[in-house]
Amino acid sequence: KSITGISPVEARHLGAYEKLNRDTAIRMCEAFTASKPTQG
């Protein structure tokens, strides 16, 4: 079920896909858009 993706949503855990593929990108994007670019 974990390979085919048919396990119920409530049974899914926060694994490497969620952290590496999704959450790191979101966190990095949030930090980037919150930063004030230097002059120039």
Full PDB file with SEQRES, HELIX, SHEET, SSBOND, CRYST1, ORIGX, SCALE, CONECT and MASTER records, all heavy atoms in Angstrom:
SEQRES   1 A   40  LYS SER ILE THR GLY ILE SER PRO VAL GLU ALA ARG HIS          
SEQRES   2 A   40  LEU GLY ALA TYR GLU LYS LEU ASN ARG ASP THR ALA ILE          
SEQRES   3 A   40  ARG MET CYS GLU ALA PHE THR ALA SER LYS PRO THR GLN          
SEQRES   4 A   40  GLY                                                          
HELIX    1 AA1 VAL A    9  ALA A   11  5                                   3    
HELIX    2 AA2 ALA A   16  ALA A   16  1                                   1    
HELIX    3 AA3 TYR A   17  ASP A   23  3                                   7    
HELIX    4 AA4 THR A   24  ALA A   34  1                                  11    
CRYST1    1.000    1.000    1.000  90.00  90.00  90.00 P 1           1          
ORIGX1      1.000000  0.000000  0.000000        0.00000                         
ORIGX2      0.000000  1.000000  0.000000        0.00000                         
ORIGX3      0.000000  0.000000  1.000000        0.00000                         
SCALE1      1.000000  0.000000  0.000000        0.00000                         
SCALE2      0.000000  1.000000  0.000000        0.00000                         
SCALE3      0.000000  0.000000  1.000000        0.00000                         
ATOM      1  N   LYS A   1       0.821  -1.213   0.000  1.00  0.00           N  
ATOM      2  CA  LYS A   1       0.000   0.000   0.000  1.00  0.00           C  
ATOM      3  C   LYS A   1       0.853   1.261   0.000  1.00  0.00           C  
ATOM      4  O   LYS A   1       0.519   2.253  -0.646  1.00  0.00           O  
ATOM      5  CB  LYS A   1      -0.937   0.002   1.213  1.00  0.00           C  
ATOM      6  CG  LYS A   1      -2.085  -0.987   1.115  1.00  0.00           C  
ATOM      7  CD  LYS A   1      -2.997  -0.885   2.321  1.00  0.00           C  
ATOM      8  CE  LYS A   1      -4.197  -1.818   2.191  1.00  0.00           C  
ATOM      9  NZ  LYS A   1      -5.099  -1.707   3.359  1.00  0.00           N  
ATOM     10  N   SER A   2       1.982   1.239   0.707  1.00  0.00           N  
ATOM     11  CA  SER A   2       2.837   2.426   0.749  1.00  0.00           C  
ATOM     12  C   SER A   2       3.491   2.674  -0.593  1.00  0.00           C  
ATOM     13  O   SER A   2       3.769   3.815  -0.963  1.00  0.00           O  
ATOM     14  CB  SER A   2       3.913   2.267   1.835  1.00  0.00           C  
ATOM     15  OG  SER A   2       4.875   1.296   1.459  1.00  0.00           O  
ATOM     16  N   ILE A   3       3.738   1.597  -1.359  1.00  0.00           N  
ATOM     17  CA  ILE A   3       4.330   1.747  -2.689  1.00  0.00           C  
ATOM     18  C   ILE A   3       3.303   2.281  -3.674  1.00  0.00           C  
ATOM     19  O   ILE A   3       3.574   3.191  -4.457  1.00  0.00           O  
ATOM     20  CB  ILE A   3       4.901   0.397  -3.181  1.00  0.00           C  
ATOM     21  CG1 ILE A   3       6.096  -0.003  -2.324  1.00  0.00           C  
ATOM     22  CG2 ILE A   3       5.320   0.487  -4.644  1.00  0.00           C  
ATOM     23  CD1 ILE A   3       6.623  -1.395  -2.623  1.00  0.00           C  
ATOM     24  N   THR A   4       2.080   1.727  -3.631  1.00  0.00           N  
ATOM     25  CA  THR A   4       1.056   2.117  -4.595  1.00  0.00           C  
ATOM     26  C   THR A   4       0.342   3.397  -4.211  1.00  0.00           C  
ATOM     27  O   THR A   4      -0.300   4.038  -5.044  1.00  0.00           O  
ATOM     28  CB  THR A   4       0.009   1.002  -4.736  1.00  0.00           C  
ATOM     29  OG1 THR A   4      -0.568   0.734  -3.453  1.00  0.00           O  
ATOM     30  CG2 THR A   4       0.650  -0.268  -5.269  1.00  0.00           C  
ATOM     31  N   GLY A   5       0.451   3.793  -2.928  1.00  0.00           N  
ATOM     32  CA  GLY A   5      -0.183   5.032  -2.489  1.00  0.00           C  
ATOM     33  C   GLY A   5      -1.618   4.873  -2.078  1.00  0.00           C  
ATOM     34  O   GLY A   5      -2.340   5.852  -1.950  1.00  0.00           O  
ATOM     35  N   ILE A   6      -2.088   3.628  -1.834  1.00  0.00           N  
ATOM     36  CA  ILE A   6      -3.497   3.431  -1.508  1.00  0.00           C  
ATOM     37  C   ILE A   6      -3.747   3.361  -0.008  1.00  0.00           C  
ATOM     38  O   ILE A   6      -4.860   3.088   0.414  1.00  0.00           O  
ATOM     39  CB  ILE A   6      -4.056   2.153  -2.184  1.00  0.00           C  
ATOM     40  CG1 ILE A   6      -3.292   0.908  -1.721  1.00  0.00           C  
ATOM     41  CG2 ILE A   6      -4.004   2.273  -3.691  1.00  0.00           C  
ATOM     42  CD1 ILE A   6      -3.877  -0.381  -2.285  1.00  0.00           C  
ATOM     43  N   SER A   7      -2.706   3.611   0.790  1.00  0.00           N  
ATOM     44  CA  SER A   7      -2.935   3.648   2.234  1.00  0.00           C  
ATOM     45  C   SER A   7      -3.730   4.891   2.579  1.00  0.00           C  
ATOM     46  O   SER A   7      -3.590   5.927   1.936  1.00  0.00           O  
ATOM     47  CB  SER A   7      -1.600   3.647   2.981  1.00  0.00           C  
ATOM     48  OG  SER A   7      -0.774   4.691   2.538  1.00  0.00           O  
ATOM     49  N   PRO A   8      -4.598   4.843   3.590  1.00  0.00           N  
ATOM     50  CA  PRO A   8      -5.423   6.006   3.934  1.00  0.00           C  
ATOM     51  C   PRO A   8      -4.576   7.182   4.365  1.00  0.00           C  
ATOM     52  O   PRO A   8      -3.481   7.022   4.889  1.00  0.00           O  
ATOM     53  CB  PRO A   8      -6.299   5.477   5.087  1.00  0.00           C  
ATOM     54  CG  PRO A   8      -5.566   4.302   5.633  1.00  0.00           C  
ATOM     55  CD  PRO A   8      -4.857   3.691   4.468  1.00  0.00           C  
ATOM     56  N   VAL A   9      -5.108   8.383   4.137  1.00  0.00           N  
ATOM     57  CA  VAL A   9      -4.369   9.605   4.446  1.00  0.00           C  
ATOM     58  C   VAL A   9      -3.955   9.655   5.903  1.00  0.00           C  
ATOM     59  O   VAL A   9      -2.831  10.028   6.241  1.00  0.00           O  
ATOM     60  CB  VAL A   9      -5.226  10.848   4.094  1.00  0.00           C  
ATOM     61  CG1 VAL A   9      -4.525  12.115   4.556  1.00  0.00           C  
ATOM     62  CG2 VAL A   9      -5.506  10.898   2.602  1.00  0.00           C  
ATOM     63  N   GLU A  10      -4.862   9.248   6.804  1.00  0.00           N  
ATOM     64  CA  GLU A  10      -4.566   9.342   8.234  1.00  0.00           C  
ATOM     65  C   GLU A  10      -3.438   8.401   8.642  1.00  0.00           C  
ATOM     66  O   GLU A  10      -2.839   8.554   9.707  1.00  0.00           O  
ATOM     67  CB  GLU A  10      -5.817   9.055   9.058  1.00  0.00           C  
ATOM     68  CG  GLU A  10      -6.419   7.670   8.857  1.00  0.00           C  
ATOM     69  CD  GLU A  10      -7.443   7.655   7.728  1.00  0.00           C  
ATOM     70  OE1 GLU A  10      -7.457   8.615   6.931  1.00  0.00           O  
ATOM     71  OE2 GLU A  10      -8.226   6.690   7.652  1.00  0.00           O  
ATOM     72  N   ALA A  11      -3.121   7.391   7.786  1.00  0.00           N  
ATOM     73  CA  ALA A  11      -2.078   6.429   8.131  1.00  0.00           C  
ATOM     74  C   ALA A  11      -0.701   6.872   7.659  1.00  0.00           C  
ATOM     75  O   ALA A  11       0.294   6.268   7.990  1.00  0.00           O  
ATOM     76  CB  ALA A  11      -2.416   5.065   7.530  1.00  0.00           C  
ATOM     77  N   ARG A  12      -0.640   7.930   6.871  1.00  0.00           N  
ATOM     78  CA  ARG A  12       0.639   8.366   6.332  1.00  0.00           C  
ATOM     79  C   ARG A  12       1.428   9.138   7.380  1.00  0.00           C  
ATOM     80  O   ARG A  12       0.870   9.900   8.166  1.00  0.00           O  
ATOM     81  CB  ARG A  12       0.419   9.238   5.093  1.00  0.00           C  
ATOM     82  CG  ARG A  12      -0.194   8.455   3.934  1.00  0.00           C  
ATOM     83  CD  ARG A  12      -0.435   9.349   2.734  1.00  0.00           C  
ATOM     84  NE  ARG A  12      -1.207   8.622   1.732  1.00  0.00           N  
ATOM     85  CZ  ARG A  12      -1.824   9.207   0.719  1.00  0.00           C  
ATOM     86  NH1 ARG A  12      -1.769  10.515   0.574  1.00  0.00           N  
ATOM     87  NH2 ARG A  12      -2.500   8.489  -0.136  1.00  0.00           N  
ATOM     88  N   HIS A  13       2.736   8.962   7.364  1.00  0.00           N  
ATOM     89  CA  HIS A  13       3.598   9.617   8.327  1.00  0.00           C  
ATOM     90  C   HIS A  13       4.387  10.732   7.651  1.00  0.00           C  
ATOM     91  O   HIS A  13       4.411  10.836   6.430  1.00  0.00           O  
ATOM     92  CB  HIS A  13       4.566   8.590   8.929  1.00  0.00           C  
ATOM     93  CG  HIS A  13       5.628   8.159   7.971  1.00  0.00           C  
ATOM     94  ND1 HIS A  13       5.334   7.605   6.736  1.00  0.00           N  
ATOM     95  CD2 HIS A  13       6.977   8.223   8.053  1.00  0.00           C  
ATOM     96  CE1 HIS A  13       6.449   7.331   6.099  1.00  0.00           C  
ATOM     97  NE2 HIS A  13       7.470   7.693   6.864  1.00  0.00           N  
ATOM     98  N   LEU A  14       4.998  11.544   8.445  1.00  0.00           N  
ATOM     99  CA  LEU A  14       5.850  12.601   7.910  1.00  0.00           C  
ATOM    100  C   LEU A  14       7.223  12.011   7.673  1.00  0.00           C  
ATOM    101  O   LEU A  14       8.042  11.923   8.574  1.00  0.00           O  
ATOM    102  CB  LEU A  14       5.931  13.773   8.908  1.00  0.00           C  
ATOM    103  CG  LEU A  14       6.691  15.016   8.415  1.00  0.00           C  
ATOM    104  CD1 LEU A  14       5.970  15.624   7.229  1.00  0.00           C  
ATOM    105  CD2 LEU A  14       6.807  16.032   9.540  1.00  0.00           C  
ATOM    106  N   GLY A  15       7.454  11.558   6.459  1.00  0.00           N  
ATOM    107  CA  GLY A  15       8.698  10.879   6.141  1.00  0.00           C  
ATOM    108  C   GLY A  15       9.625  11.732   5.313  1.00  0.00           C  
ATOM    109  O   GLY A  15       9.513  12.958   5.240  1.00  0.00           O  
ATOM    110  N   ALA A  16      10.558  11.051   4.634  1.00  0.00           N  
ATOM    111  CA  ALA A  16      11.581  11.756   3.861  1.00  0.00           C  
ATOM    112  C   ALA A  16      10.984  12.508   2.682  1.00  0.00           C  
ATOM    113  O   ALA A  16      11.462  13.580   2.318  1.00  0.00           O  
ATOM    114  CB  ALA A  16      12.634  10.757   3.393  1.00  0.00           C  
ATOM    115  N   TYR A  17       9.938  11.954   2.056  1.00  0.00           N  
ATOM    116  CA  TYR A  17       9.307  12.668   0.948  1.00  0.00           C  
ATOM    117  C   TYR A  17       8.773  14.021   1.413  1.00  0.00           C  
ATOM    118  O   TYR A  17       9.004  15.056   0.783  1.00  0.00           O  
ATOM    119  CB  TYR A  17       8.147  11.851   0.366  1.00  0.00           C  
ATOM    120  CG  TYR A  17       8.559  10.636  -0.426  1.00  0.00           C  
ATOM    121  CD1 TYR A  17       7.898   9.427  -0.269  1.00  0.00           C  
ATOM    122  CD2 TYR A  17       9.587  10.701  -1.362  1.00  0.00           C  
ATOM    123  CE1 TYR A  17       8.242   8.306  -1.004  1.00  0.00           C  
ATOM    124  CE2 TYR A  17       9.948   9.593  -2.101  1.00  0.00           C  
ATOM    125  CZ  TYR A  17       9.286   8.393  -1.922  1.00  0.00           C  
ATOM    126  OH  TYR A  17       9.641   7.288  -2.647  1.00  0.00           O  
ATOM    127  N   GLU A  18       8.042  13.986   2.511  1.00  0.00           N  
ATOM    128  CA  GLU A  18       7.436  15.223   3.008  1.00  0.00           C  
ATOM    129  C   GLU A  18       8.498  16.235   3.435  1.00  0.00           C  
ATOM    130  O   GLU A  18       8.381  17.431   3.137  1.00  0.00           O  
ATOM    131  CB  GLU A  18       6.506  14.914   4.182  1.00  0.00           C  
ATOM    132  CG  GLU A  18       5.190  14.251   3.790  1.00  0.00           C  
ATOM    133  CD  GLU A  18       5.335  12.782   3.438  1.00  0.00           C  
ATOM    134  OE1 GLU A  18       6.414  12.198   3.694  1.00  0.00           O  
ATOM    135  OE2 GLU A  18       4.371  12.206   2.900  1.00  0.00           O  
ATOM    136  N   LYS A  19       9.518  15.761   4.113  1.00  0.00           N  
ATOM    137  CA  LYS A  19      10.536  16.683   4.615  1.00  0.00           C  
ATOM    138  C   LYS A  19      11.443  17.199   3.506  1.00  0.00           C  
ATOM    139  O   LYS A  19      11.607  18.409   3.340  1.00  0.00           O  
ATOM    140  CB  LYS A  19      11.379  16.011   5.693  1.00  0.00           C  
ATOM    141  CG  LYS A  19      12.450  16.937   6.276  1.00  0.00           C  
ATOM    142  CD  LYS A  19      13.274  16.249   7.358  1.00  0.00           C  
ATOM    143  CE  LYS A  19      14.349  17.195   7.895  1.00  0.00           C  
ATOM    144  NZ  LYS A  19      15.195  16.536   8.925  1.00  0.00           N  
ATOM    145  N   LEU A  20      12.043  16.292   2.749  1.00  0.00           N  
ATOM    146  CA  LEU A  20      13.047  16.692   1.765  1.00  0.00           C  
ATOM    147  C   LEU A  20      12.434  17.266   0.492  1.00  0.00           C  
ATOM    148  O   LEU A  20      12.882  18.305  -0.006  1.00  0.00           O  
ATOM    149  CB  LEU A  20      13.946  15.504   1.424  1.00  0.00           C  
ATOM    150  CG  LEU A  20      14.826  14.989   2.559  1.00  0.00           C  
ATOM    151  CD1 LEU A  20      15.606  13.761   2.110  1.00  0.00           C  
ATOM    152  CD2 LEU A  20      15.787  16.068   3.044  1.00  0.00           C  
ATOM    153  N   ASN A  21      11.433  16.609  -0.037  1.00  0.00           N  
ATOM    154  CA  ASN A  21      10.862  17.057  -1.307  1.00  0.00           C  
ATOM    155  C   ASN A  21       9.954  18.280  -1.163  1.00  0.00           C  
ATOM    156  O   ASN A  21       9.872  19.094  -2.082  1.00  0.00           O  
ATOM    157  CB  ASN A  21      10.047  15.930  -1.952  1.00  0.00           C  
ATOM    158  CG  ASN A  21      10.908  14.763  -2.370  1.00  0.00           C  
ATOM    159  OD1 ASN A  21      12.131  14.826  -2.298  1.00  0.00           O  
ATOM    160  ND2 ASN A  21      10.285  13.686  -2.790  1.00  0.00           N  
ATOM    161  N   ARG A  22       9.285  18.386  -0.027  1.00  0.00           N  
ATOM    162  CA  ARG A  22       8.284  19.445   0.140  1.00  0.00           C  
ATOM    163  C   ARG A  22       8.681  20.512   1.154  1.00  0.00           C  
ATOM    164  O   ARG A  22       8.837  21.695   0.808  1.00  0.00           O  
ATOM    165  CB  ARG A  22       6.955  18.813   0.552  1.00  0.00           C  
ATOM    166  CG  ARG A  22       5.794  19.791   0.669  1.00  0.00           C  
ATOM    167  CD  ARG A  22       4.597  19.102   1.314  1.00  0.00           C  
ATOM    168  NE  ARG A  22       4.855  18.743   2.716  1.00  0.00           N  
ATOM    169  CZ  ARG A  22       4.101  17.890   3.406  1.00  0.00           C  
ATOM    170  NH1 ARG A  22       3.061  17.292   2.839  1.00  0.00           N  
ATOM    171  NH2 ARG A  22       4.391  17.641   4.673  1.00  0.00           N  
ATOM    172  N   ASP A  23       8.886  20.100   2.399  1.00  0.00           N  
ATOM    173  CA  ASP A  23       9.021  21.079   3.484  1.00  0.00           C  
ATOM    174  C   ASP A  23      10.290  21.916   3.401  1.00  0.00           C  
ATOM    175  O   ASP A  23      10.274  23.104   3.736  1.00  0.00           O  
ATOM    176  CB  ASP A  23       8.945  20.373   4.839  1.00  0.00           C  
ATOM    177  CG  ASP A  23       7.593  19.711   5.066  1.00  0.00           C  
ATOM    178  OD1 ASP A  23       6.657  20.004   4.288  1.00  0.00           O  
ATOM    179  OD2 ASP A  23       7.472  18.900   5.999  1.00  0.00           O  
ATOM    180  N   THR A  24      11.408  21.320   2.956  1.00  0.00           N  
ATOM    181  CA  THR A  24      12.633  22.123   2.845  1.00  0.00           C  
ATOM    182  C   THR A  24      12.470  23.215   1.791  1.00  0.00           C  
ATOM    183  O   THR A  24      12.956  24.334   1.975  1.00  0.00           O  
ATOM    184  CB  THR A  24      13.852  21.242   2.475  1.00  0.00           C  
ATOM    185  OG1 THR A  24      13.600  20.581   1.216  1.00  0.00           O  
ATOM    186  CG2 THR A  24      14.143  20.223   3.545  1.00  0.00           C  
ATOM    187  N   ALA A  25      11.774  22.896   0.712  1.00  0.00           N  
ATOM    188  CA  ALA A  25      11.560  23.896  -0.338  1.00  0.00           C  
ATOM    189  C   ALA A  25      10.650  25.019   0.152  1.00  0.00           C  
ATOM    190  O   ALA A  25      10.907  26.210  -0.100  1.00  0.00           O  
ATOM    191  CB  ALA A  25      10.962  23.235  -1.574  1.00  0.00           C  
ATOM    192  N   ILE A  26       9.596  24.644   0.859  1.00  0.00           N  
ATOM    193  CA  ILE A  26       8.666  25.654   1.374  1.00  0.00           C  
ATOM    194  C   ILE A  26       9.360  26.565   2.382  1.00  0.00           C  
ATOM    195  O   ILE A  26       9.234  27.795   2.323  1.00  0.00           O  
ATOM    196  CB  ILE A  26       7.442  24.974   2.007  1.00  0.00           C  
ATOM    197  CG1 ILE A  26       6.630  24.248   0.934  1.00  0.00           C  
ATOM    198  CG2 ILE A  26       6.570  25.983   2.743  1.00  0.00           C  
ATOM    199  CD1 ILE A  26       5.523  23.359   1.486  1.00  0.00           C  
ATOM    200  N   ARG A  27      10.114  25.962   3.287  1.00  0.00           N  
ATOM    201  CA  ARG A  27      10.807  26.762   4.303  1.00  0.00           C  
ATOM    202  C   ARG A  27      11.843  27.686   3.672  1.00  0.00           C  
ATOM    203  O   ARG A  27      11.956  28.862   4.046  1.00  0.00           O  
ATOM    204  CB  ARG A  27      11.479  25.831   5.312  1.00  0.00           C  
ATOM    205  CG  ARG A  27      12.106  26.546   6.520  1.00  0.00           C  
ATOM    206  CD  ARG A  27      11.051  27.234   7.380  1.00  0.00           C  
ATOM    207  NE  ARG A  27      10.060  26.298   7.871  1.00  0.00           N  
ATOM    208  CZ  ARG A  27      10.202  25.571   8.976  1.00  0.00           C  
ATOM    209  NH1 ARG A  27      11.294  25.683   9.706  1.00  0.00           N  
ATOM    210  NH2 ARG A  27       9.245  24.747   9.374  1.00  0.00           N  
ATOM    211  N   MET A  28      12.565  27.183   2.700  1.00  0.00           N  
ATOM    212  CA  MET A  28      13.559  28.000   2.020  1.00  0.00           C  
ATOM    213  C   MET A  28      12.903  29.149   1.252  1.00  0.00           C  
ATOM    214  O   MET A  28      13.386  30.282   1.254  1.00  0.00           O  
ATOM    215  CB  MET A  28      14.376  27.134   1.069  1.00  0.00           C  
ATOM    216  CG  MET A  28      15.488  27.850   0.320  1.00  0.00           C  
ATOM    217  SD  MET A  28      16.864  28.427   1.352  1.00  0.00           S  
ATOM    218  CE  MET A  28      17.597  26.858   1.849  1.00  0.00           C  
ATOM    219  N   CYS A  29      11.775  28.864   0.600  1.00  0.00           N  
ATOM    220  CA  CYS A  29      11.052  29.897  -0.147  1.00  0.00           C  
ATOM    221  C   CYS A  29      10.519  30.973   0.793  1.00  0.00           C  
ATOM    222  O   CYS A  29      10.595  32.171   0.493  1.00  0.00           O  
ATOM    223  CB  CYS A  29       9.912  29.259  -0.932  1.00  0.00           C  
ATOM    224  SG  CYS A  29       8.964  30.417  -1.940  1.00  0.00           S  
ATOM    225  N   GLU A  30       9.989  30.558   1.928  1.00  0.00           N  
ATOM    226  CA  GLU A  30       9.489  31.528   2.911  1.00  0.00           C  
ATOM    227  C   GLU A  30      10.612  32.443   3.392  1.00  0.00           C  
ATOM    228  O   GLU A  30      10.426  33.663   3.503  1.00  0.00           O  
ATOM    229  CB  GLU A  30       8.869  30.782   4.098  1.00  0.00           C  
ATOM    230  CG  GLU A  30       7.549  30.098   3.783  1.00  0.00           C  
ATOM    231  CD  GLU A  30       7.057  29.222   4.928  1.00  0.00           C  
ATOM    232  OE1 GLU A  30       7.885  28.805   5.778  1.00  0.00           O  
ATOM    233  OE2 GLU A  30       5.829  28.942   4.976  1.00  0.00           O  
ATOM    234  N   ALA A  31      11.770  31.859   3.676  1.00  0.00           N  
ATOM    235  CA  ALA A  31      12.904  32.658   4.152  1.00  0.00           C  
ATOM    236  C   ALA A  31      13.412  33.589   3.063  1.00  0.00           C  
ATOM    237  O   ALA A  31      13.772  34.741   3.332  1.00  0.00           O  
ATOM    238  CB  ALA A  31      14.022  31.728   4.621  1.00  0.00           C  
ATOM    239  N   PHE A  32      13.432  33.113   1.822  1.00  0.00           N  
ATOM    240  CA  PHE A  32      13.925  33.924   0.707  1.00  0.00           C  
ATOM    241  C   PHE A  32      13.024  35.128   0.467  1.00  0.00           C  
ATOM    242  O   PHE A  32      13.503  36.266   0.319  1.00  0.00           O  
ATOM    243  CB  PHE A  32      14.006  33.058  -0.545  1.00  0.00           C  
ATOM    244  CG  PHE A  32      14.592  33.735  -1.750  1.00  0.00           C  
ATOM    245  CD1 PHE A  32      15.729  34.517  -1.661  1.00  0.00           C  
ATOM    246  CD2 PHE A  32      14.010  33.564  -3.007  1.00  0.00           C  
ATOM    247  CE1 PHE A  32      16.276  35.134  -2.778  1.00  0.00           C  
ATOM    248  CE2 PHE A  32      14.548  34.170  -4.132  1.00  0.00           C  
ATOM    249  CZ  PHE A  32      15.673  34.956  -4.017  1.00  0.00           C  
ATOM    250  N   THR A  33      11.710  34.900   0.435  1.00  0.00           N  
ATOM    251  CA  THR A  33      10.790  36.008   0.181  1.00  0.00           C  
ATOM    252  C   THR A  33      10.712  36.975   1.360  1.00  0.00           C  
ATOM    253  O   THR A  33      10.306  38.133   1.192  1.00  0.00           O  
ATOM    254  CB  THR A  33       9.376  35.473  -0.133  1.00  0.00           C  
ATOM    255  OG1 THR A  33       8.954  34.594   0.925  1.00  0.00           O  
ATOM    256  CG2 THR A  33       9.367  34.722  -1.444  1.00  0.00           C  
ATOM    257  N   ALA A  34      11.098  36.521   2.537  1.00  0.00           N  
ATOM    258  CA  ALA A  34      11.103  37.395   3.715  1.00  0.00           C  
ATOM    259  C   ALA A  34      12.376  38.227   3.805  1.00  0.00           C  
ATOM    260  O   ALA A  34      12.434  39.196   4.571  1.00  0.00           O  
ATOM    261  CB  ALA A  34      10.949  36.568   4.988  1.00  0.00           C  
ATOM    262  N   SER A  35      13.391  37.874   3.033  1.00  0.00           N  
ATOM    263  CA  SER A  35      14.661  38.592   3.089  1.00  0.00           C  
ATOM    264  C   SER A  35      14.594  39.884   2.285  1.00  0.00           C  
ATOM    265  O   SER A  35      13.876  39.974   1.290  1.00  0.00           O  
ATOM    266  CB  SER A  35      15.795  37.714   2.551  1.00  0.00           C  
ATOM    267  OG  SER A  35      15.639  37.477   1.156  1.00  0.00           O  
ATOM    268  N   LYS A  36      15.330  40.876   2.732  1.00  0.00           N  
ATOM    269  CA  LYS A  36      15.373  42.163   2.048  1.00  0.00           C  
ATOM    270  C   LYS A  36      16.625  42.209   1.179  1.00  0.00           C  
ATOM    271  O   LYS A  36      17.742  42.138   1.702  1.00  0.00           O  
ATOM    272  CB  LYS A  36      15.392  43.306   3.060  1.00  0.00           C  
ATOM    273  CG  LYS A  36      15.347  44.686   2.426  1.00  0.00           C  
ATOM    274  CD  LYS A  36      15.322  45.773   3.492  1.00  0.00           C  
ATOM    275  CE  LYS A  36      15.269  47.156   2.847  1.00  0.00           C  
ATOM    276  NZ  LYS A  36      15.250  48.234   3.868  1.00  0.00           N  
ATOM    277  N   PRO A  37      16.465  42.301  -0.150  1.00  0.00           N  
ATOM    278  CA  PRO A  37      17.643  42.275  -1.015  1.00  0.00           C  
ATOM    279  C   PRO A  37      18.560  43.470  -0.774  1.00  0.00           C  
ATOM    280  O   PRO A  37      18.102  44.566  -0.445  1.00  0.00           O  
ATOM    281  CB  PRO A  37      17.048  42.311  -2.428  1.00  0.00           C  
ATOM    282  CG  PRO A  37      15.679  42.886  -2.266  1.00  0.00           C  
ATOM    283  CD  PRO A  37      15.216  42.442  -0.909  1.00  0.00           C  
ATOM    284  N   THR A  38      19.832  43.230  -0.927  1.00  0.00           N  
ATOM    285  CA  THR A  38      20.808  44.300  -0.752  1.00  0.00           C  
ATOM    286  C   THR A  38      20.672  45.325  -1.866  1.00  0.00           C  
ATOM    287  O   THR A  38      20.088  45.058  -2.923  1.00  0.00           O  
ATOM    288  CB  THR A  38      22.236  43.731  -0.754  1.00  0.00           C  
ATOM    289  OG1 THR A  38      22.444  42.998  -1.979  1.00  0.00           O  
ATOM    290  CG2 THR A  38      22.461  42.814   0.425  1.00  0.00           C  
ATOM    291  N   GLN A  39      21.240  46.482  -1.645  1.00  0.00           N  
ATOM    292  CA  GLN A  39      21.175  47.557  -2.635  1.00  0.00           C  
ATOM    293  C   GLN A  39      21.841  47.091  -3.928  1.00  0.00           C  
ATOM    294  O   GLN A  39      22.909  46.499  -3.918  1.00  0.00           O  
ATOM    295  CB  GLN A  39      21.885  48.802  -2.099  1.00  0.00           C  
ATOM    296  CG  GLN A  39      21.689  50.028  -2.963  1.00  0.00           C  
ATOM    297  CD  GLN A  39      22.287  51.267  -2.304  1.00  0.00           C  
ATOM    298  OE1 GLN A  39      22.939  51.169  -1.269  1.00  0.00           O  
ATOM    299  NE2 GLN A  39      22.070  52.424  -2.902  1.00  0.00           N  
ATOM    300  N   GLY A  40      21.199  47.364  -5.032  1.00  0.00           N  
ATOM    301  CA  GLY A  40      21.735  46.948  -6.319  1.00  0.00           C  
ATOM    302  C   GLY A  40      20.973  45.789  -6.932  1.00  0.00           C  
ATOM    303  O   GLY A  40      21.044  45.563  -8.140  1.00  0.00           O  
TER     304      GLY A  40                                                      
MASTER        0    0    0    4    0    0    0    6  303    1    0    4          
END                                                                             
